[in-house]
PDB file of N, CA and C in Angstrom:
ATOM      1  N   MET A   1      35.091  55.067 108.620  1.00  0.00           N
ATOM      2  CA  MET A   1      35.203  56.177 109.546  1.00  0.00           C
ATOM      3  C   MET A   1      36.685  56.500 109.748  1.00  0.00           C
ATOM      4  N   LEU A   2      36.989  57.746 109.845  1.00  0.00           N
ATOM      5  CA  LEU A   2      38.366  58.216 109.984  1.00  0.00           C
ATOM      6  C   LEU A   2      38.884  57.970 111.399  1.00  0.00           C
ATOM      7  N   ARG A   3      40.146  57.576 111.497  1.00  0.00           N
ATOM      8  CA  ARG A   3      40.800  57.367 112.792  1.00  0.00           C
ATOM      9  C   ARG A   3      42.049  58.235 112.880  1.00  0.00           C
ATOM     10  N   CYS A   4      42.398  58.603 114.091  1.00  0.00           N
ATOM     11  CA  CYS A   4      43.610  59.373 114.343  1.00  0.00           C
ATOM     12  C   CYS A   4      44.840  58.515 114.058  1.00  0.00           C
ATOM     13  N   PRO A   5      45.831  59.058 113.352  1.00  0.00           N
ATOM     14  CA  PRO A   5      47.042  58.272 113.070  1.00  0.00           C
ATOM     15  C   PRO A   5      47.916  58.066 114.309  1.00  0.00           C
ATOM     16  N   ASN A   6      47.676  58.813 115.368  1.00  0.00           N
ATOM     17  CA  ASN A   6      48.478  58.697 116.578  1.00  0.00           C
ATOM     18  C   ASN A   6      47.877  57.711 117.575  1.00  0.00           C
ATOM     19  N   CYS A   7      46.626  57.925 117.964  1.00  0.00           N
ATOM     20  CA  CYS A   7      46.014  57.110 119.021  1.00  0.00           C
ATOM     21  C   CYS A   7      44.947  56.156 118.507  1.00  0.00           C
ATOM     22  N   ASN A   8      44.619  56.222 117.229  1.00  0.00           N
ATOM     23  CA  ASN A   8      43.647  55.338 116.589  1.00  0.00           C
ATOM     24  C   ASN A   8      42.210  55.603 117.045  1.00  0.00           C
ATOM     25  N   SER A   9      41.961  56.767 117.613  1.00  0.00           N
ATOM     26  CA  SER A   9      40.637  57.130 118.102  1.00  0.00           C
ATOM     27  C   SER A   9      39.734  57.605 116.965  1.00  0.00           C
ATOM     28  N   HIS A  10      38.427  57.400 117.154  1.00  0.00           N
ATOM     29  CA  HIS A  10      37.423  57.930 116.228  1.00  0.00           C
ATOM     30  C   HIS A  10      36.955  59.323 116.650  1.00  0.00           C
ATOM     31  N   ASP A  11      37.429  59.815 117.772  1.00  0.00           N
ATOM     32  CA  ASP A  11      36.946  61.067 118.358  1.00  0.00           C
ATOM     33  C   ASP A  11      37.627  62.268 117.702  1.00  0.00           C
ATOM     34  N   LEU A  12      37.287  62.498 116.416  1.00  0.00           N
ATOM     35  CA  LEU A  12      37.879  63.588 115.644  1.00  0.00           C
ATOM     36  C   LEU A  12      36.837  64.657 115.361  1.00  0.00           C
ATOM     37  N   GLY A  13      37.280  65.869 115.319  1.00  0.00           N
ATOM     38  CA  GLY A  13      36.402  66.982 114.980  1.00  0.00           C
ATOM     39  C   GLY A  13      36.980  67.779 113.844  1.00  0.00           C
ATOM     40  N   LYS A  14      36.103  68.359 113.053  1.00  0.00           N
ATOM     41  CA  LYS A  14      36.545  69.199 111.945  1.00  0.00           C
ATOM     42  C   LYS A  14      36.681  70.625 112.459  1.00  0.00           C
ATOM     43  N   VAL A  15      37.863  71.209 112.288  1.00  0.00           N
ATOM     44  CA  VAL A  15      38.109  72.561 112.783  1.00  0.00           C
ATOM     45  C   VAL A  15      38.268  73.563 111.660  1.00  0.00           C
ATOM     46  N   GLY A  16      38.271  73.101 110.445  1.00  0.00           N
ATOM     47  CA  GLY A  16      38.396  73.978 109.285  1.00  0.00           C
ATOM     48  C   GLY A  16      38.376  73.142 108.027  1.00  0.00           C
ATOM     49  N   THR A  17      38.468  73.814 106.900  1.00  0.00           N
ATOM     50  CA  THR A  17      38.523  73.107 105.635  1.00  0.00           C
ATOM     51  C   THR A  17      39.766  72.235 105.610  1.00  0.00           C
ATOM     52  N   ASN A  18      39.574  70.945 105.456  1.00  0.00           N
ATOM     53  CA  ASN A  18      40.669  69.970 105.428  1.00  0.00           C
ATOM     54  C   ASN A  18      41.500  69.953 106.705  1.00  0.00           C
ATOM     55  N   GLN A  19      40.911  70.326 107.839  1.00  0.00           N
ATOM     56  CA  GLN A  19      41.612  70.303 109.122  1.00  0.00           C
ATOM     57  C   GLN A  19      40.802  69.502 110.125  1.00  0.00           C
ATOM     58  N   LEU A  20      41.478  68.571 110.791  1.00  0.00           N
ATOM     59  CA  LEU A  20      40.845  67.721 111.793  1.00  0.00           C
ATOM     60  C   LEU A  20      41.599  67.833 113.105  1.00  0.00           C
ATOM     61  N   TYR A  21      40.889  67.584 114.216  1.00  0.00           N
ATOM     62  CA  TYR A  21      41.470  67.660 115.553  1.00  0.00           C
ATOM     63  C   TYR A  21      41.075  66.406 116.321  1.00  0.00           C
ATOM     64  N   CYS A  22      42.031  65.762 116.971  1.00  0.00           N
ATOM     65  CA  CYS A  22      41.743  64.592 117.789  1.00  0.00           C
ATOM     66  C   CYS A  22      41.557  65.028 119.237  1.00  0.00           C
ATOM     67  N   TRP A  23      40.388  64.728 119.791  1.00  0.00           N
ATOM     68  CA  TRP A  23      40.069  65.112 121.162  1.00  0.00           C
ATOM     69  C   TRP A  23      40.712  64.183 122.189  1.00  0.00           C
ATOM     70  N   GLN A  24      41.283  63.076 121.767  1.00  0.00           N
ATOM     71  CA  GLN A  24      41.922  62.138 122.693  1.00  0.00           C
ATOM     72  C   GLN A  24      43.394  62.452 122.922  1.00  0.00           C
ATOM     73  N   CYS A  25      44.124  62.773 121.858  1.00  0.00           N
ATOM     74  CA  CYS A  25      45.569  63.006 122.014  1.00  0.00           C
ATOM     75  C   CYS A  25      45.986  64.415 121.608  1.00  0.00           C
ATOM     76  N   PHE A  26      45.014  65.269 121.260  1.00  0.00           N
ATOM     77  CA  PHE A  26      45.244  66.702 121.047  1.00  0.00           C
ATOM     78  C   PHE A  26      46.175  67.013 119.884  1.00  0.00           C
ATOM     79  N   ILE A  27      46.045  66.279 118.788  1.00  0.00           N
ATOM     80  CA  ILE A  27      46.806  66.630 117.599  1.00  0.00           C
ATOM     81  C   ILE A  27      45.853  67.163 116.540  1.00  0.00           C
ATOM     82  N   GLU A  28      46.395  67.997 115.703  1.00  0.00           N
ATOM     83  CA  GLU A  28      45.635  68.568 114.588  1.00  0.00           C
ATOM     84  C   GLU A  28      46.309  68.092 113.310  1.00  0.00           C
ATOM     85  N   MET A  29      45.504  67.779 112.317  1.00  0.00           N
ATOM     86  CA  MET A  29      46.066  67.324 111.047  1.00  0.00           C
ATOM     87  C   MET A  29      45.337  67.981 109.898  1.00  0.00           C
ATOM     88  N   THR A  30      46.056  68.183 108.822  1.00  0.00           N
ATOM     89  CA  THR A  30      45.443  68.684 107.605  1.00  0.00           C
ATOM     90  C   THR A  30      45.511  67.578 106.567  1.00  0.00           C
ATOM     91  N   THR A  31      44.472  67.522 105.730  1.00  0.00           N
ATOM     92  CA  THR A  31      44.416  66.498 104.701  1.00  0.00           C
ATOM     93  C   THR A  31      44.342  67.151 103.331  1.00  0.00           C
ATOM     94  N   GLU A  32      44.846  66.422 102.357  1.00  0.00           N
ATOM     95  CA  GLU A  32      44.804  66.876 100.977  1.00  0.00           C
ATOM     96  C   GLU A  32      44.747  65.644 100.090  1.00  0.00           C
ATOM     97  N   ASN A  33      43.696  65.526  99.286  1.00  0.00           N
ATOM     98  CA  ASN A  33      43.517  64.382  98.388  1.00  0.00           C
ATOM     99  C   ASN A  33      43.607  63.047  99.121  1.00  0.00           C
ATOM    100  N   ASP A  34      42.891  62.928 100.233  1.00  0.00           N
ATOM    101  CA  ASP A  34      42.859  61.713 101.055  1.00  0.00           C
ATOM    102  C   ASP A  34      44.218  61.315 101.616  1.00  0.00           C
ATOM    103  N   LYS A  35      45.126  62.261 101.756  1.00  0.00           N
ATOM    104  CA  LYS A  35      46.425  62.020 102.379  1.00  0.00           C
ATOM    105  C   LYS A  35      46.639  63.057 103.470  1.00  0.00           C
ATOM    106  N   ILE A  36      47.345  62.652 104.494  1.00  0.00           N
ATOM    107  CA  ILE A  36      47.678  63.596 105.551  1.00  0.00           C
ATOM    108  C   ILE A  36      48.793  64.498 105.038  1.00  0.00           C
ATOM    109  N   ALA A  37      48.535  65.792 105.029  1.00  0.00           N
ATOM    110  CA  ALA A  37      49.510  66.756 104.530  1.00  0.00           C
ATOM    111  C   ALA A  37      50.437  67.231 105.638  1.00  0.00           C
ATOM    112  N   SER A  38      49.903  67.344 106.867  1.00  0.00           N
ATOM    113  CA  SER A  38      50.719  67.754 108.001  1.00  0.00           C
ATOM    114  C   SER A  38      50.034  67.337 109.296  1.00  0.00           C
ATOM    115  N   VAL A  39      50.855  67.163 110.339  1.00  0.00           N
ATOM    116  CA  VAL A  39      50.364  66.763 111.661  1.00  0.00           C
ATOM    117  C   VAL A  39      51.032  67.676 112.685  1.00  0.00           C
ATOM    118  N   TYR A  40      50.231  68.195 113.607  1.00  0.00           N
ATOM    119  CA  TYR A  40      50.736  69.118 114.625  1.00  0.00           C
ATOM    120  C   TYR A  40      50.205  68.747 115.998  1.00  0.00           C
ATOM    121  N   GLN A  41      51.021  68.958 117.001  1.00  0.00           N
ATOM    122  CA  GLN A  41      50.572  68.867 118.379  1.00  0.00           C
ATOM    123  C   GLN A  41      50.160  70.268 118.812  1.00  0.00           C
ATOM    124  N   VAL A  42      48.999  70.383 119.430  1.00  0.00           N
ATOM    125  CA  VAL A  42      48.531  71.678 119.922  1.00  0.00           C
ATOM    126  C   VAL A  42      49.044  71.835 121.352  1.00  0.00           C
ATOM    127  N   GLU A  43      49.852  72.846 121.558  1.00  0.00           N
ATOM    128  CA  GLU A  43      50.442  73.098 122.875  1.00  0.00           C
ATOM    129  C   GLU A  43      49.450  73.834 123.771  1.00  0.00           C
ATOM    130  N   GLU A  44      49.745  73.893 125.066  1.00  0.00           N
ATOM    131  CA  GLU A  44      48.859  74.537 126.029  1.00  0.00           C
ATOM    132  C   GLU A  44      48.590  76.002 125.712  1.00  0.00           C
ATOM    133  N   ASP A  45      49.564  76.688 125.126  1.00  0.00           N
ATOM    134  CA  ASP A  45      49.393  78.102 124.801  1.00  0.00           C
ATOM    135  C   ASP A  45      48.718  78.308 123.442  1.00  0.00           C
ATOM    136  N   GLY A  46      48.339  77.212 122.776  1.00  0.00           N
ATOM    137  CA  GLY A  46      47.661  77.314 121.486  1.00  0.00           C
ATOM    138  C   GLY A  46      48.587  77.240 120.286  1.00  0.00           C
ATOM    139  N   SER A  47      49.882  77.252 120.528  1.00  0.00           N
ATOM    140  CA  SER A  47      50.824  77.150 119.414  1.00  0.00           C
ATOM    141  C   SER A  47      50.856  75.714 118.893  1.00  0.00           C
ATOM    142  N   LEU A  48      51.374  75.545 117.687  1.00  0.00           N
ATOM    143  CA  LEU A  48      51.444  74.241 117.061  1.00  0.00           C
ATOM    144  C   LEU A  48      52.898  73.803 116.921  1.00  0.00           C
ATOM    145  N   THR A  49      53.148  72.539 117.219  1.00  0.00           N
ATOM    146  CA  THR A  49      54.460  71.938 117.038  1.00  0.00           C
ATOM    147  C   THR A  49      54.332  70.847 115.988  1.00  0.00           C
ATOM    148  N   SER A  50      55.152  70.913 114.954  1.00  0.00           N
ATOM    149  CA  SER A  50      55.067  69.953 113.863  1.00  0.00           C
ATOM    150  C   SER A  50      55.450  68.551 114.321  1.00  0.00           C
ATOM    151  N   LEU A  51      54.651  67.573 113.895  1.00  0.00           N
ATOM    152  CA  LEU A  51      54.944  66.162 114.134  1.00  0.00           C
ATOM    153  C   LEU A  51      55.127  65.425 112.815  1.00  0.00           C
ATOM    154  N   ASN A  52      55.362  66.185 111.752  1.00  0.00           N
ATOM    155  CA  ASN A  52      55.476  65.588 110.424  1.00  0.00           C
ATOM    156  C   ASN A  52      56.580  64.536 110.351  1.00  0.00           C
ATOM    157  N   ASP A  53      57.692  64.766 111.035  1.00  0.00           N
ATOM    158  CA  ASP A  53      58.796  63.807 110.979  1.00  0.00           C
ATOM    159  C   ASP A  53      58.420  62.467 111.609  1.00  0.00           C
ATOM    160  N   LEU A  54      57.438  62.444 112.505  1.00  0.00           N
ATOM    161  CA  LEU A  54      57.008  61.205 113.145  1.00  0.00           C
ATOM    162  C   LEU A  54      55.961  60.450 112.332  1.00  0.00           C
ATOM    163  N   PHE A  55      55.062  61.182 111.672  1.00  0.00           N
ATOM    164  CA  PHE A  55      53.915  60.544 111.041  1.00  0.00           C
ATOM    165  C   PHE A  55      53.977  60.466 109.523  1.00  0.00           C
ATOM    166  N   LEU A  56      54.659  61.368 108.879  1.00  0.00           N
ATOM    167  CA  LEU A  56      54.595  61.401 107.425  1.00  0.00           C
ATOM    168  C   LEU A  56      55.636  60.530 106.743  1.00  0.00           C
ATOM    169  N   GLU A  57      56.581  60.008 107.470  1.00  0.00           N
ATOM    170  CA  GLU A  57      57.547  59.115 106.851  1.00  0.00           C
ATOM    171  C   GLU A  57      56.967  57.726 106.666  1.00  0.00           C
ATOM    172  N   GLU A  58      55.991  57.352 107.497  1.00  0.00           N
ATOM    173  CA  GLU A  58      55.310  56.077 107.336  1.00  0.00           C
ATOM    174  C   GLU A  58      54.266  56.246 106.244  1.00  0.00           C
ATOM    175  N   SER A  59      53.126  55.673 106.413  1.00  0.00           N
ATOM    176  CA  SER A  59      52.053  55.807 105.434  1.00  0.00           C
ATOM    177  C   SER A  59      51.382  57.159 105.625  1.00  0.00           C
ATOM    178  N   SER A  60      51.227  57.908 104.557  1.00  0.00           N
ATOM    179  CA  SER A  60      50.597  59.218 104.653  1.00  0.00           C
ATOM    180  C   SER A  60      49.157  59.185 104.160  1.00  0.00           C
ATOM    181  N   HIS A  61      48.598  58.010 103.979  1.00  0.00           N
ATOM    182  CA  HIS A  61      47.213  57.896 103.557  1.00  0.00           C
ATOM    183  C   HIS A  61      46.292  57.991 104.760  1.00  0.00           C
ATOM    184  N   VAL A  62      45.194  58.682 104.612  1.00  0.00           N
ATOM    185  CA  VAL A  62      44.177  58.742 105.646  1.00  0.00           C
ATOM    186  C   VAL A  62      43.522  57.378 105.723  1.00  0.00           C
ATOM    187  N   GLN A  63      43.318  56.878 106.939  1.00  0.00           N
ATOM    188  CA  GLN A  63      42.735  55.565 107.114  1.00  0.00           C
ATOM    189  C   GLN A  63      41.240  55.684 107.366  1.00  0.00           C
ATOM    190  N   TYR A  64      40.438  55.008 106.547  1.00  0.00           N
ATOM    191  CA  TYR A  64      39.002  54.949 106.732  1.00  0.00           C
ATOM    192  C   TYR A  64      38.621  53.536 107.087  1.00  0.00           C
ATOM    193  N   PHE A  65      37.791  53.374 108.090  1.00  0.00           N
ATOM    194  CA  PHE A  65      37.329  52.059 108.523  1.00  0.00           C
ATOM    195  C   PHE A  65      35.816  52.052 108.556  1.00  0.00           C
ATOM    196  N   ASP A  66      35.226  50.928 108.230  1.00  0.00           N
ATOM    197  CA  ASP A  66      33.760  50.780 108.286  1.00  0.00           C
ATOM    198  C   ASP A  66      33.319  50.442 109.675  1.00  0.00           C
TER     199      ASP A  66
END
């Protein structure tokens, strides 16, 4: 099962093709070939702020757990 790279929650929703949203910490991520392509924080006004510098320098693989 997929977990959020920020809060480690399983509470993720699919918001589009290759787009996931974490309902616990309010980040949106896009995936490509089982890797996180980008990570964004969703602001109160609906705009997105990139968090790529925080998350993509470490491991960019999507984590699946049984």
